[in-house]
Amino acid sequence: MATTRLIPLHTGKGRNFGKAIRNVIGYVSNPKKTHQGELVTGFGCNPETADGEFLLMKREYIAQTSLSSRSQRLPHP
């Protein structure tokens, strides 16, 4: 049975959102934990470019909704 774990993204102290998402994706796709990447797949995105795609979608969402406050959170699908 597959399980998932939600890992919060922490920003601040020199770590911006882009770096946080890259670190999390790097952590969950660690070759030692995924049989050299065999267990890493993507749905609607390429795992190798997922961080960039995520940041692009965030920018588009902000532009379309005028989201500007850091206290506002992005919705999760």
Protein backbone atom coordinates (compact mmCIF):
# COMPACT_ATOMS: atom_id res chain seq x y z
CA MET A 1 0.00 0.00 0.00
CA ALA A 2 1.33 3.44 -0.92
CA THR A 3 1.37 6.22 1.63
CA THR A 4 2.02 9.93 1.37
CA ARG A 5 3.31 12.50 3.78
CA LEU A 6 2.71 16.22 3.53
CA ILE A 7 5.89 18.20 4.09
CA PRO A 8 5.43 21.91 4.88
CA LEU A 9 7.46 24.41 2.84
CA HIS A 10 9.45 26.68 5.11
CA THR A 11 10.69 30.01 3.84
CA GLY A 12 12.73 32.71 5.50
CA LYS A 13 16.29 32.92 6.78
CA GLY A 14 17.69 33.15 3.26
CA ARG A 15 15.35 30.51 1.86
CA ASN A 16 12.79 31.75 -0.64
CA PHE A 17 9.82 29.83 -2.02
CA GLY A 18 11.71 28.68 -5.12
CA LYS A 19 14.54 27.23 -3.08
CA ALA A 20 12.08 25.59 -0.68
CA ILE A 21 10.19 23.81 -3.48
CA ARG A 22 13.45 22.67 -5.11
CA ASN A 23 14.66 21.27 -1.78
CA VAL A 24 11.42 19.38 -1.17
CA ILE A 25 11.34 17.90 -4.67
CA GLY A 26 15.01 16.95 -4.31
CA TYR A 27 14.27 15.30 -0.96
CA VAL A 28 11.33 13.22 -2.17
CA SER A 29 13.10 12.16 -5.38
CA ASN A 30 16.32 11.11 -3.62
CA PRO A 31 17.83 8.26 -5.70
CA LYS A 32 18.66 6.29 -2.54
CA LYS A 33 14.98 6.24 -1.56
CA THR A 34 13.45 5.77 -5.03
CA HIS A 35 15.49 2.92 -6.57
CA GLN A 36 17.60 5.40 -8.58
CA GLY A 37 14.50 7.40 -9.60
CA GLU A 38 12.51 4.36 -10.76
CA LEU A 39 9.70 5.25 -8.33
CA VAL A 40 9.54 8.94 -9.33
CA THR A 41 6.71 9.84 -11.70
CA GLY A 42 4.64 12.90 -12.44
CA PHE A 43 1.01 13.53 -13.25
CA GLY A 44 0.57 16.46 -15.59
CA CYS A 45 4.23 17.48 -15.24
CA ASN A 46 7.75 16.27 -15.78
CA PRO A 47 9.41 15.41 -12.43
CA GLU A 48 12.67 16.96 -13.64
CA THR A 49 11.03 20.34 -14.29
CA ALA A 50 8.27 20.22 -11.66
CA ASP A 51 9.80 22.99 -9.50
CA GLY A 52 9.91 25.43 -12.42
CA GLU A 53 6.40 24.50 -13.53
CA PHE A 54 5.08 24.98 -10.00
CA LEU A 55 6.68 28.44 -9.73
CA LEU A 56 5.32 29.44 -13.16
CA MET A 57 1.80 28.40 -12.17
CA LYS A 58 2.14 30.32 -8.90
CA ARG A 59 3.15 33.48 -10.81
CA GLU A 60 0.23 33.05 -13.21
CA TYR A 61 -2.19 32.57 -10.30
CA ILE A 62 -0.89 35.70 -8.58
CA ALA A 63 -1.18 37.72 -11.80
CA GLN A 64 -4.75 36.56 -12.42
CA THR A 65 -6.02 37.02 -8.86
CA SER A 66 -3.95 40.01 -7.71
CA LEU A 67 -2.70 37.94 -4.77
CA SER A 68 -0.04 40.07 -3.15
CA SER A 69 -0.07 39.45 0.59
CA ARG A 70 2.42 36.91 1.92
CA SER A 71 -0.17 35.88 4.49
CA GLN A 72 -2.53 34.61 1.79
CA ARG A 73 -2.08 30.98 0.84
CA LEU A 74 -2.46 29.31 -2.51
CA PRO A 75 -5.28 26.77 -2.77
CA HIS A 76 -4.36 23.11 -3.09
CA PRO A 77 -6.20 21.05 -5.73
